[in-house]
C-alpha cells in the first residue's frame, strides 16, 4: 500500500477518477479537495501505482485525536476489483478498526466487504443507503425567486454550528458540533437570514465535496429558501470545478423534490455510508 504525496501523481489520479464518474464521486471529491489546498488534511492510499485496483482517502493520522469521533474520521473508497477492496480495508495500515470511522462509496459490494470484516473484528457497523443525485449542468439550473423581501444571503460562522447541531438528526452531541464547525470553517456553504440576522435556511458541503445538511426552519418552508441556498452553494462548488452531488434517504421526499427542482438527476448508484464503532465501552464513549 502506498500513500500518494507527489502533486503530479495526485493530479493524474484526479484525472483518472474523473473518467470513471459517477462511481468515483466520493473519492474524486476528496482528491479534488486535496489538490486544492487540502482543507480537511486528507491523504490518499493506493494498492499500487500507477496501475491501481483500489484507492482510499482518509484523514491524516494526526487529525483524528478522538477514538470515538466518526464524524471527523471520514474515509472514501473506489475500486476496480472487489478483492482489492477487501485487501485494502482489511489492512490495518490503511484503516484503524480500533477507532470509529465512516466509509463512503457508490459501489455495490463495499457494504458486504465491510460487514464481513466488522463481524470478524467484533465491531459495530451501521449502514445508511442513500439515493444519489447529480447535477449534469449547473448553468441550466432554474433561477430561484424568494417569496419574501425580508430575507437575504448571509455567511455562516462557526458560532452558528450550535443551531445547526440542534436540528441535525445525526447530530446533537459535542463531536457533531465540532464537525459542523469544521464544515463551516473549511468548505463552501450558503445560508439565508431574516432581517434581524437570524438563520432561516442553509446548505453545507463536506470533505468529499458532497452537498450535505440542508435545512429550512418550518415557518419559512414553501418560500423558495431551500432552492435558493442549494443553488448558491452549488454555484460556489461549480466555480471551483467540483461535481454537484448529494445523497438523500429514499423516504425524504421534500429533499428529493427540492434537488429535482434544481435540475439534479437521480442516479442508479446507491450512496453507501457505513459507520463503524469499536466494541462499546460506555464510560469511555461518553461525550
C-alpha atoms as a PDB file:
ATOM      1  CA  UNK A   1       0.000   0.000   0.000  1.00  0.00           C
ATOM      2  CA  UNK A   2       1.264   3.453  -0.912  1.00  0.00           C
ATOM      3  CA  UNK A   3       0.411   6.967   0.257  1.00  0.00           C
ATOM      4  CA  UNK A   4       0.391   9.346  -2.692  1.00  0.00           C
ATOM      5  CA  UNK A   5       2.114  12.598  -1.796  1.00  0.00           C
ATOM      6  CA  UNK A   6       3.520  13.762  -5.133  1.00  0.00           C
ATOM      7  CA  UNK A   7       1.386  16.646  -6.506  1.00  0.00           C
ATOM      8  CA  UNK A   8       1.775  15.483 -10.099  1.00  0.00           C
ATOM      9  CA  UNK A   9       0.611  11.968  -9.194  1.00  0.00           C
ATOM     10  CA  UNK A  10      -2.370  13.368  -7.303  1.00  0.00           C
ATOM     11  CA  UNK A  11      -3.291  15.497 -10.304  1.00  0.00           C
ATOM     12  CA  UNK A  12      -3.014  12.426 -12.526  1.00  0.00           C
ATOM     13  CA  UNK A  13      -5.213  10.469 -10.111  1.00  0.00           C
ATOM     14  CA  UNK A  14      -7.825  13.218 -10.231  1.00  0.00           C
ATOM     15  CA  UNK A  15      -7.998  12.865 -13.997  1.00  0.00           C
ATOM     16  CA  UNK A  16      -8.274   9.081 -13.796  1.00  0.00           C
ATOM     17  CA  UNK A  17     -11.115   9.316 -11.282  1.00  0.00           C
ATOM     18  CA  UNK A  18     -12.899  11.923 -13.394  1.00  0.00           C
ATOM     19  CA  UNK A  19     -13.063   9.464 -16.282  1.00  0.00           C
ATOM     20  CA  UNK A  20     -14.818   6.920 -14.067  1.00  0.00           C
ATOM     21  CA  UNK A  21     -17.556   9.203 -12.749  1.00  0.00           C
ATOM     22  CA  UNK A  22     -20.114   8.808 -11.242  1.00  0.00           C
ATOM     23  CA  UNK A  23     -18.903   5.707  -9.374  1.00  0.00           C
ATOM     24  CA  UNK A  24     -15.838   7.625  -8.189  1.00  0.00           C
ATOM     25  CA  UNK A  25     -17.780  10.637  -6.862  1.00  0.00           C
ATOM     26  CA  UNK A  26     -16.822  10.396  -3.188  1.00  0.00           C
ATOM     27  CA  UNK A  27     -13.133   9.627  -3.738  1.00  0.00           C
ATOM     28  CA  UNK A  28     -12.973  12.135  -6.596  1.00  0.00           C
ATOM     29  CA  UNK A  29     -14.388  14.912  -4.403  1.00  0.00           C
ATOM     30  CA  UNK A  30     -11.847  14.132  -1.682  1.00  0.00           C
ATOM     31  CA  UNK A  31      -8.925  14.096  -4.130  1.00  0.00           C
ATOM     32  CA  UNK A  32     -10.088  17.387  -5.646  1.00  0.00           C
ATOM     33  CA  UNK A  33     -10.058  18.992  -2.194  1.00  0.00           C
ATOM     34  CA  UNK A  34      -6.585  17.561  -1.531  1.00  0.00           C
ATOM     35  CA  UNK A  35      -5.364  19.115  -4.782  1.00  0.00           C
ATOM     36  CA  UNK A  36      -6.939  22.479  -3.874  1.00  0.00           C
ATOM     37  CA  UNK A  37      -5.343  23.252  -0.552  1.00  0.00           C
ATOM     38  CA  UNK A  38      -6.386  20.120   1.352  1.00  0.00           C
ATOM     39  CA  UNK A  39      -8.644  21.911   3.875  1.00  0.00           C
ATOM     40  CA  UNK A  40      -9.569  18.653   5.651  1.00  0.00           C
ATOM     41  CA  UNK A  41      -5.974  17.383   5.791  1.00  0.00           C
ATOM     42  CA  UNK A  42      -6.764  14.141   3.996  1.00  0.00           C
ATOM     43  CA  UNK A  43      -4.444  11.741   2.200  1.00  0.00           C
ATOM     44  CA  UNK A  44      -4.791   9.072  -0.483  1.00  0.00           C
ATOM     45  CA  UNK A  45      -3.756   5.436  -0.320  1.00  0.00           C
ATOM     46  CA  UNK A  46      -3.484   3.166  -3.374  1.00  0.00           C
ATOM     47  CA  UNK A  47      -2.776  -0.542  -3.583  1.00  0.00           C
ATOM     48  CA  UNK A  48      -0.271   0.107  -6.389  1.00  0.00           C
ATOM     49  CA  UNK A  49       0.825   2.860  -8.752  1.00  0.00           C
ATOM     50  CA  UNK A  50       0.327   3.916 -11.479  1.00  0.00           C
ATOM     51  CA  UNK A  51      -1.988   0.990 -12.163  1.00  0.00           C
ATOM     52  CA  UNK A  52      -4.250   0.587  -9.167  1.00  0.00           C
ATOM     53  CA  UNK A  53      -7.203  -1.589  -8.326  1.00  0.00           C
ATOM     54  CA  UNK A  54      -8.304   0.197  -5.167  1.00  0.00           C
ATOM     55  CA  UNK A  55      -7.853   3.587  -3.538  1.00  0.00           C
ATOM     56  CA  UNK A  56      -8.935   5.034  -0.230  1.00  0.00           C
ATOM     57  CA  UNK A  57      -8.957   8.611   1.051  1.00  0.00           C
ATOM     58  CA  UNK A  58      -8.712   9.225   4.771  1.00  0.00           C
ATOM     59  CA  UNK A  59      -7.707  11.894   7.314  1.00  0.00           C
ATOM     60  CA  UNK A  60      -4.020  12.155   8.145  1.00  0.00           C
ATOM     61  CA  UNK A  61      -3.458  10.247  11.381  1.00  0.00           C
ATOM     62  CA  UNK A  62      -2.745  13.332  13.472  1.00  0.00           C
ATOM     63  CA  UNK A  63      -6.159  14.759  12.532  1.00  0.00           C
ATOM     64  CA  UNK A  64      -8.169  12.117  14.434  1.00  0.00           C
ATOM     65  CA  UNK A  65      -7.438  12.502  18.126  1.00  0.00           C
ATOM     66  CA  UNK A  66     -10.706  11.105  19.494  1.00  0.00           C
ATOM     67  CA  UNK A  67     -11.168   7.342  19.197  1.00  0.00           C
ATOM     68  CA  UNK A  68     -14.950   7.674  19.055  1.00  0.00           C
ATOM     69  CA  UNK A  69     -15.232  10.580  16.624  1.00  0.00           C
ATOM     70  CA  UNK A  70     -16.535   9.004  13.423  1.00  0.00           C
ATOM     71  CA  UNK A  71     -17.632  12.425  12.135  1.00  0.00           C
ATOM     72  CA  UNK A  72     -14.023  13.554  11.750  1.00  0.00           C
ATOM     73  CA  UNK A  73     -12.709  10.137  10.692  1.00  0.00           C
ATOM     74  CA  UNK A  74     -14.132  10.200   7.165  1.00  0.00           C
ATOM     75  CA  UNK A  75     -12.997   7.694   4.512  1.00  0.00           C
ATOM     76  CA  UNK A  76     -13.968   7.252   0.850  1.00  0.00           C
ATOM     77  CA  UNK A  77     -13.132   4.374  -1.444  1.00  0.00           C
ATOM     78  CA  UNK A  78     -13.182   3.388  -5.103  1.00  0.00           C
ATOM     79  CA  UNK A  79     -12.103   0.049  -6.510  1.00  0.00           C
ATOM     80  CA  UNK A  80     -11.924  -1.811  -9.778  1.00  0.00           C
ATOM     81  CA  UNK A  81     -11.861  -5.215  -8.139  1.00  0.00           C
ATOM     82  CA  UNK A  82     -13.803  -6.192  -5.038  1.00  0.00           C
ATOM     83  CA  UNK A  83     -10.985  -8.450  -3.796  1.00  0.00           C
ATOM     84  CA  UNK A  84      -8.624  -5.485  -3.973  1.00  0.00           C
ATOM     85  CA  UNK A  85     -11.156  -3.518  -1.927  1.00  0.00           C
ATOM     86  CA  UNK A  86     -11.261  -6.283   0.654  1.00  0.00           C
ATOM     87  CA  UNK A  87      -7.465  -6.447   0.881  1.00  0.00           C
ATOM     88  CA  UNK A  88      -7.280  -2.699   1.377  1.00  0.00           C
ATOM     89  CA  UNK A  89      -9.981  -2.497   4.033  1.00  0.00           C
ATOM     90  CA  UNK A  90      -8.546  -5.472   5.930  1.00  0.00           C
ATOM     91  CA  UNK A  91      -5.115  -3.843   6.097  1.00  0.00           C
ATOM     92  CA  UNK A  92      -4.709  -2.176   9.494  1.00  0.00           C
ATOM     93  CA  UNK A  93      -2.128   0.176   7.998  1.00  0.00           C
ATOM     94  CA  UNK A  94      -4.924   1.555   5.850  1.00  0.00           C
ATOM     95  CA  UNK A  95      -7.828   1.612   8.330  1.00  0.00           C
ATOM     96  CA  UNK A  96      -7.565   1.546  12.107  1.00  0.00           C
ATOM     97  CA  UNK A  97     -10.550  -0.606  13.077  1.00  0.00           C
ATOM     98  CA  UNK A  98      -9.993   0.190  16.753  1.00  0.00           C
ATOM     99  CA  UNK A  99     -11.313   3.709  16.060  1.00  0.00           C
ATOM    100  CA  UNK A 100     -14.761   4.822  14.979  1.00  0.00           C
ATOM    101  CA  UNK A 101     -14.900   5.880  11.330  1.00  0.00           C
ATOM    102  CA  UNK A 102     -17.130   6.469   8.336  1.00  0.00           C
ATOM    103  CA  UNK A 103     -16.683   4.825   4.943  1.00  0.00           C
ATOM    104  CA  UNK A 104     -18.354   6.319   1.851  1.00  0.00           C
ATOM    105  CA  UNK A 105     -18.683   4.961  -1.667  1.00  0.00           C
ATOM    106  CA  UNK A 106     -21.050   4.316  -4.548  1.00  0.00           C
ATOM    107  CA  UNK A 107     -20.211   0.725  -5.429  1.00  0.00           C
ATOM    108  CA  UNK A 108     -22.170  -2.423  -4.714  1.00  0.00           C
ATOM    109  CA  UNK A 109     -20.038  -4.892  -2.818  1.00  0.00           C
ATOM    110  CA  UNK A 110     -18.481  -2.334  -0.483  1.00  0.00           C
ATOM    111  CA  UNK A 111     -21.098  -2.921   2.193  1.00  0.00           C
ATOM    112  CA  UNK A 112     -20.709  -6.705   2.120  1.00  0.00           C
ATOM    113  CA  UNK A 113     -16.923  -6.445   2.396  1.00  0.00           C
ATOM    114  CA  UNK A 114     -17.098  -4.011   5.324  1.00  0.00           C
ATOM    115  CA  UNK A 115     -19.822  -6.079   7.012  1.00  0.00           C
ATOM    116  CA  UNK A 116     -17.708  -9.244   6.856  1.00  0.00           C
ATOM    117  CA  UNK A 117     -14.617  -7.503   8.237  1.00  0.00           C
ATOM    118  CA  UNK A 118     -16.638  -5.818  11.005  1.00  0.00           C
ATOM    119  CA  UNK A 119     -18.060  -9.178  12.034  1.00  0.00           C
ATOM    120  CA  UNK A 120     -14.596 -10.720  12.162  1.00  0.00           C
ATOM    121  CA  UNK A 121     -13.230  -7.831  14.217  1.00  0.00           C
ATOM    122  CA  UNK A 122     -16.287  -7.729  16.511  1.00  0.00           C
ATOM    123  CA  UNK A 123     -17.053  -4.073  15.843  1.00  0.00           C
ATOM    124  CA  UNK A 124     -20.421  -2.463  15.222  1.00  0.00           C
ATOM    125  CA  UNK A 125     -21.421  -1.464  11.682  1.00  0.00           C
ATOM    126  CA  UNK A 126     -24.346   0.791  10.790  1.00  0.00           C
ATOM    127  CA  UNK A 127     -25.277   1.202   7.149  1.00  0.00           C
ATOM    128  CA  UNK A 128     -27.150   4.064   5.515  1.00  0.00           C
ATOM    129  CA  UNK A 129     -28.238   3.677   1.907  1.00  0.00           C
ATOM    130  CA  UNK A 130     -28.964   6.946   0.144  1.00  0.00           C
ATOM    131  CA  UNK A 131     -30.236   7.696  -3.309  1.00  0.00           C
ATOM    132  CA  UNK A 132     -27.598   9.569  -5.304  1.00  0.00           C
ATOM    133  CA  UNK A 133     -28.422  12.803  -7.135  1.00  0.00           C
ATOM    134  CA  UNK A 134     -26.065  14.514  -9.580  1.00  0.00           C
ATOM    135  CA  UNK A 135     -26.447  17.783 -11.446  1.00  0.00           C
ATOM    136  CA  UNK A 136     -25.425  17.352 -15.091  1.00  0.00           C
ATOM    137  CA  UNK A 137     -25.123  21.046 -15.979  1.00  0.00           C
ATOM    138  CA  UNK A 138     -25.421  23.746 -13.312  1.00  0.00           C
ATOM    139  CA  UNK A 139     -25.790  26.704 -15.720  1.00  0.00           C
ATOM    140  CA  UNK A 140     -29.046  25.106 -16.874  1.00  0.00           C
ATOM    141  CA  UNK A 141     -30.484  25.119 -13.339  1.00  0.00           C
ATOM    142  CA  UNK A 142     -33.530  27.221 -12.638  1.00  0.00           C
ATOM    143  CA  UNK A 143     -33.163  30.653 -11.110  1.00  0.00           C
ATOM    144  CA  UNK A 144     -34.845  30.835  -7.723  1.00  0.00           C
ATOM    145  CA  UNK A 145     -37.046  33.694  -6.643  1.00  0.00           C
ATOM    146  CA  UNK A 146     -37.637  34.080  -2.943  1.00  0.00           C
ATOM    147  CA  UNK A 147     -41.215  34.733  -1.949  1.00  0.00           C
ATOM    148  CA  UNK A 148     -40.102  37.128   0.789  1.00  0.00           C
ATOM    149  CA  UNK A 149     -38.436  40.529   0.592  1.00  0.00           C
ATOM    150  CA  UNK A 150     -37.259  40.219   4.196  1.00  0.00           C
ATOM    151  CA  UNK A 151     -34.654  37.515   3.623  1.00  0.00           C
ATOM    152  CA  UNK A 152     -31.071  37.914   2.456  1.00  0.00           C
ATOM    153  CA  UNK A 153     -27.981  35.784   1.939  1.00  0.00           C
ATOM    154  CA  UNK A 154     -25.524  35.822   4.818  1.00  0.00           C
ATOM    155  CA  UNK A 155     -22.417  33.986   5.930  1.00  0.00           C
ATOM    156  CA  UNK A 156     -22.340  31.079   8.334  1.00  0.00           C
ATOM    157  CA  UNK A 157     -19.931  31.431  11.225  1.00  0.00           C
ATOM    158  CA  UNK A 158     -18.611  28.652  13.482  1.00  0.00           C
ATOM    159  CA  UNK A 159     -20.781  30.169  16.225  1.00  0.00           C
ATOM    160  CA  UNK A 160     -23.844  29.124  14.192  1.00  0.00           C
ATOM    161  CA  UNK A 161     -22.861  25.464  14.496  1.00  0.00           C
ATOM    162  CA  UNK A 162     -24.861  25.046  17.720  1.00  0.00           C
ATOM    163  CA  UNK A 163     -28.082  25.909  15.863  1.00  0.00           C
ATOM    164  CA  UNK A 164     -27.258  23.502  13.031  1.00  0.00           C
ATOM    165  CA  UNK A 165     -26.335  20.789  15.522  1.00  0.00           C
ATOM    166  CA  UNK A 166     -29.631  21.149  17.354  1.00  0.00           C
ATOM    167  CA  UNK A 167     -31.769  20.381  14.299  1.00  0.00           C
ATOM    168  CA  UNK A 168     -29.472  17.771  12.703  1.00  0.00           C
ATOM    169  CA  UNK A 169     -30.968  14.294  13.055  1.00  0.00           C
ATOM    170  CA  UNK A 170     -27.452  12.783  13.014  1.00  0.00           C
ATOM    171  CA  UNK A 171     -26.037  15.328  15.449  1.00  0.00           C
ATOM    172  CA  UNK A 172     -26.885  16.715  18.856  1.00  0.00           C
ATOM    173  CA  UNK A 173     -23.579  15.914  20.564  1.00  0.00           C
ATOM    174  CA  UNK A 174     -20.197  17.541  21.095  1.00  0.00           C
ATOM    175  CA  UNK A 175     -18.500  15.599  18.304  1.00  0.00           C
ATOM    176  CA  UNK A 176     -21.115  16.526  15.723  1.00  0.00           C
ATOM    177  CA  UNK A 177     -20.807  20.145  16.895  1.00  0.00           C
ATOM    178  CA  UNK A 178     -17.061  20.122  16.217  1.00  0.00           C
ATOM    179  CA  UNK A 179     -17.681  18.541  12.830  1.00  0.00           C
ATOM    180  CA  UNK A 180     -20.206  21.184  11.816  1.00  0.00           C
ATOM    181  CA  UNK A 181     -17.824  23.920  12.961  1.00  0.00           C
ATOM    182  CA  UNK A 182     -15.147  22.441  10.702  1.00  0.00           C
ATOM    183  CA  UNK A 183     -17.512  22.278   7.710  1.00  0.00           C
ATOM    184  CA  UNK A 184     -18.491  25.911   8.160  1.00  0.00           C
ATOM    185  CA  UNK A 185     -14.871  26.985   8.514  1.00  0.00           C
ATOM    186  CA  UNK A 186     -13.364  24.902   5.704  1.00  0.00           C
ATOM    187  CA  UNK A 187     -15.881  24.253   2.919  1.00  0.00           C
ATOM    188  CA  UNK A 188     -18.317  26.095   0.631  1.00  0.00           C
ATOM    189  CA  UNK A 189     -21.753  26.722   2.108  1.00  0.00           C
ATOM    190  CA  UNK A 190     -24.682  29.123   1.832  1.00  0.00           C
ATOM    191  CA  UNK A 191     -27.376  30.465   4.137  1.00  0.00           C
ATOM    192  CA  UNK A 192     -30.334  32.813   4.271  1.00  0.00           C
ATOM    193  CA  UNK A 193     -31.089  35.122   7.176  1.00  0.00           C
ATOM    194  CA  UNK A 194     -34.061  37.241   8.187  1.00  0.00           C
ATOM    195  CA  UNK A 195     -33.925  40.993   8.684  1.00  0.00           C
ATOM    196  CA  UNK A 196     -32.750  40.502  12.290  1.00  0.00           C
ATOM    197  CA  UNK A 197     -29.838  38.356  11.118  1.00  0.00           C
ATOM    198  CA  UNK A 198     -31.321  35.087  12.386  1.00  0.00           C
ATOM    199  CA  UNK A 199     -30.749  31.904  10.403  1.00  0.00           C
ATOM    200  CA  UNK A 200     -33.573  30.797   8.139  1.00  0.00           C
ATOM    201  CA  UNK A 201     -32.113  28.182   5.763  1.00  0.00           C
ATOM    202  CA  UNK A 202     -28.711  26.717   4.896  1.00  0.00           C
ATOM    203  CA  UNK A 203     -26.796  24.106   2.926  1.00  0.00           C
ATOM    204  CA  UNK A 204     -23.247  22.835   3.556  1.00  0.00           C
ATOM    205  CA  UNK A 205     -20.677  20.744   1.716  1.00  0.00           C
ATOM    206  CA  UNK A 206     -18.211  18.243   3.165  1.00  0.00           C
ATOM    207  CA  UNK A 207     -14.641  16.894   2.671  1.00  0.00           C
ATOM    208  CA  UNK A 208     -15.917  14.702  -0.189  1.00  0.00           C
ATOM    209  CA  UNK A 209     -17.420  17.773  -1.914  1.00  0.00           C
ATOM    210  CA  UNK A 210     -20.871  16.338  -1.261  1.00  0.00           C
ATOM    211  CA  UNK A 211     -23.789  18.690  -0.603  1.00  0.00           C
ATOM    212  CA  UNK A 212     -24.993  17.998   2.900  1.00  0.00           C
ATOM    213  CA  UNK A 213     -27.033  19.147   5.876  1.00  0.00           C
ATOM    214  CA  UNK A 214     -29.571  21.298   4.084  1.00  0.00           C
ATOM    215  CA  UNK A 215     -32.288  22.657   6.367  1.00  0.00           C
ATOM    216  CA  UNK A 216     -35.005  25.319   6.427  1.00  0.00           C
ATOM    217  CA  UNK A 217     -36.920  26.231   9.566  1.00  0.00           C
ATOM    218  CA  UNK A 218     -40.580  25.125   9.251  1.00  0.00           C
ATOM    219  CA  UNK A 219     -42.056  28.645   9.246  1.00  0.00           C
ATOM    220  CA  UNK A 220     -40.012  29.523   6.135  1.00  0.00           C
ATOM    221  CA  UNK A 221     -40.733  26.454   4.055  1.00  0.00           C
ATOM    222  CA  UNK A 222     -42.514  26.703   0.682  1.00  0.00           C
ATOM    223  CA  UNK A 223     -40.988  30.151   0.134  1.00  0.00           C
ATOM    224  CA  UNK A 224     -38.132  29.128  -2.172  1.00  0.00           C
ATOM    225  CA  UNK A 225     -35.500  29.153   0.581  1.00  0.00           C
ATOM    226  CA  UNK A 226     -34.183  25.620   0.109  1.00  0.00           C
ATOM    227  CA  UNK A 227     -33.775  26.101  -3.624  1.00  0.00           C
ATOM    228  CA  UNK A 228     -32.025  29.441  -3.173  1.00  0.00           C
ATOM    229  CA  UNK A 229     -29.379  28.182  -0.752  1.00  0.00           C
ATOM    230  CA  UNK A 230     -28.898  24.970  -2.728  1.00  0.00           C
ATOM    231  CA  UNK A 231     -28.311  26.968  -5.888  1.00  0.00           C
ATOM    232  CA  UNK A 232     -25.922  29.343  -4.105  1.00  0.00           C
ATOM    233  CA  UNK A 233     -23.663  26.657  -2.631  1.00  0.00           C
ATOM    234  CA  UNK A 234     -23.829  24.696  -5.900  1.00  0.00           C
ATOM    235  CA  UNK A 235     -22.571  27.736  -7.805  1.00  0.00           C
ATOM    236  CA  UNK A 236     -19.647  28.055  -5.379  1.00  0.00           C
ATOM    237  CA  UNK A 237     -18.679  24.410  -5.880  1.00  0.00           C
ATOM    238  CA  UNK A 238     -19.220  24.598  -9.634  1.00  0.00           C
ATOM    239  CA  UNK A 239     -16.939  27.653  -9.882  1.00  0.00           C
ATOM    240  CA  UNK A 240     -14.139  25.527  -8.371  1.00  0.00           C
ATOM    241  CA  UNK A 241     -14.755  22.663 -10.779  1.00  0.00           C
ATOM    242  CA  UNK A 242     -16.410  20.243  -8.351  1.00  0.00           C
ATOM    243  CA  UNK A 243     -19.192  17.868  -9.377  1.00  0.00           C
ATOM    244  CA  UNK A 244     -22.548  18.673  -7.798  1.00  0.00           C
ATOM    245  CA  UNK A 245     -23.989  15.676  -5.993  1.00  0.00           C
ATOM    246  CA  UNK A 246     -25.691  14.577  -2.802  1.00  0.00           C
ATOM    247  CA  UNK A 247     -27.177  11.540  -1.116  1.00  0.00           C
ATOM    248  CA  UNK A 248     -30.773  11.577   0.153  1.00  0.00           C
ATOM    249  CA  UNK A 249     -32.648   8.924   2.092  1.00  0.00           C
ATOM    250  CA  UNK A 250     -35.338   7.292  -0.084  1.00  0.00           C
ATOM    251  CA  UNK A 251     -38.146   8.350   2.272  1.00  0.00           C
ATOM    252  CA  UNK A 252     -37.085  12.026   2.350  1.00  0.00           C
ATOM    253  CA  UNK A 253     -39.484  13.233  -0.327  1.00  0.00           C
ATOM    254  CA  UNK A 254     -39.201  17.006   0.385  1.00  0.00           C
ATOM    255  CA  UNK A 255     -35.421  16.988  -0.101  1.00  0.00           C
ATOM    256  CA  UNK A 256     -35.689  14.860  -3.226  1.00  0.00           C
ATOM    257  CA  UNK A 257     -38.215  17.248  -4.733  1.00  0.00           C
ATOM    258  CA  UNK A 258     -36.044  20.245  -3.804  1.00  0.00           C
ATOM    259  CA  UNK A 259     -32.977  18.940  -5.626  1.00  0.00           C
ATOM    260  CA  UNK A 260     -35.031  17.783  -8.614  1.00  0.00           C
ATOM    261  CA  UNK A 261     -36.420  21.296  -8.994  1.00  0.00           C
ATOM    262  CA  UNK A 262     -32.807  22.496  -9.215  1.00  0.00           C
ATOM    263  CA  UNK A 263     -32.079  20.111 -12.069  1.00  0.00           C
ATOM    264  CA  UNK A 264     -30.403  17.296 -10.142  1.00  0.00           C
ATOM    265  CA  UNK A 265     -30.967  13.851 -11.611  1.00  0.00           C
ATOM    266  CA  UNK A 266     -31.367  10.548  -9.795  1.00  0.00           C
ATOM    267  CA  UNK A 267     -28.537   8.094 -10.485  1.00  0.00           C
ATOM    268  CA  UNK A 268     -28.885   4.296 -10.348  1.00  0.00           C
ATOM    269  CA  UNK A 269     -25.907   4.087  -7.963  1.00  0.00           C
ATOM    270  CA  UNK A 270     -26.584   3.801  -4.234  1.00  0.00           C
ATOM    271  CA  UNK A 271     -24.614   6.148  -1.977  1.00  0.00           C
ATOM    272  CA  UNK A 272     -23.343   3.939   0.865  1.00  0.00           C
ATOM    273  CA  UNK A 273     -22.431   5.498   4.199  1.00  0.00           C
ATOM    274  CA  UNK A 274     -21.072   2.948   6.660  1.00  0.00           C
ATOM    275  CA  UNK A 275     -20.352   3.904  10.264  1.00  0.00           C
ATOM    276  CA  UNK A 276     -18.067   1.644  12.271  1.00  0.00           C
ATOM    277  CA  UNK A 277     -17.680   1.893  16.034  1.00  0.00           C
ATOM    278  CA  UNK A 278     -15.443  -0.273  18.247  1.00  0.00           C
ATOM    279  CA  UNK A 279     -16.789  -2.552  20.928  1.00  0.00           C
ATOM    280  CA  UNK A 280     -18.785  -0.362  23.281  1.00  0.00           C
ATOM    281  CA  UNK A 281     -17.302   0.969  26.474  1.00  0.00           C
ATOM    282  CA  UNK A 282     -19.973   3.387  27.643  1.00  0.00           C
ATOM    283  CA  UNK A 283     -17.787   5.243  30.119  1.00  0.00           C
ATOM    284  CA  UNK A 284     -15.057   5.737  27.526  1.00  0.00           C
ATOM    285  CA  UNK A 285     -17.553   6.761  24.854  1.00  0.00           C
ATOM    286  CA  UNK A 286     -19.296   9.481  26.888  1.00  0.00           C
ATOM    287  CA  UNK A 287     -19.029  12.986  25.450  1.00  0.00           C
END
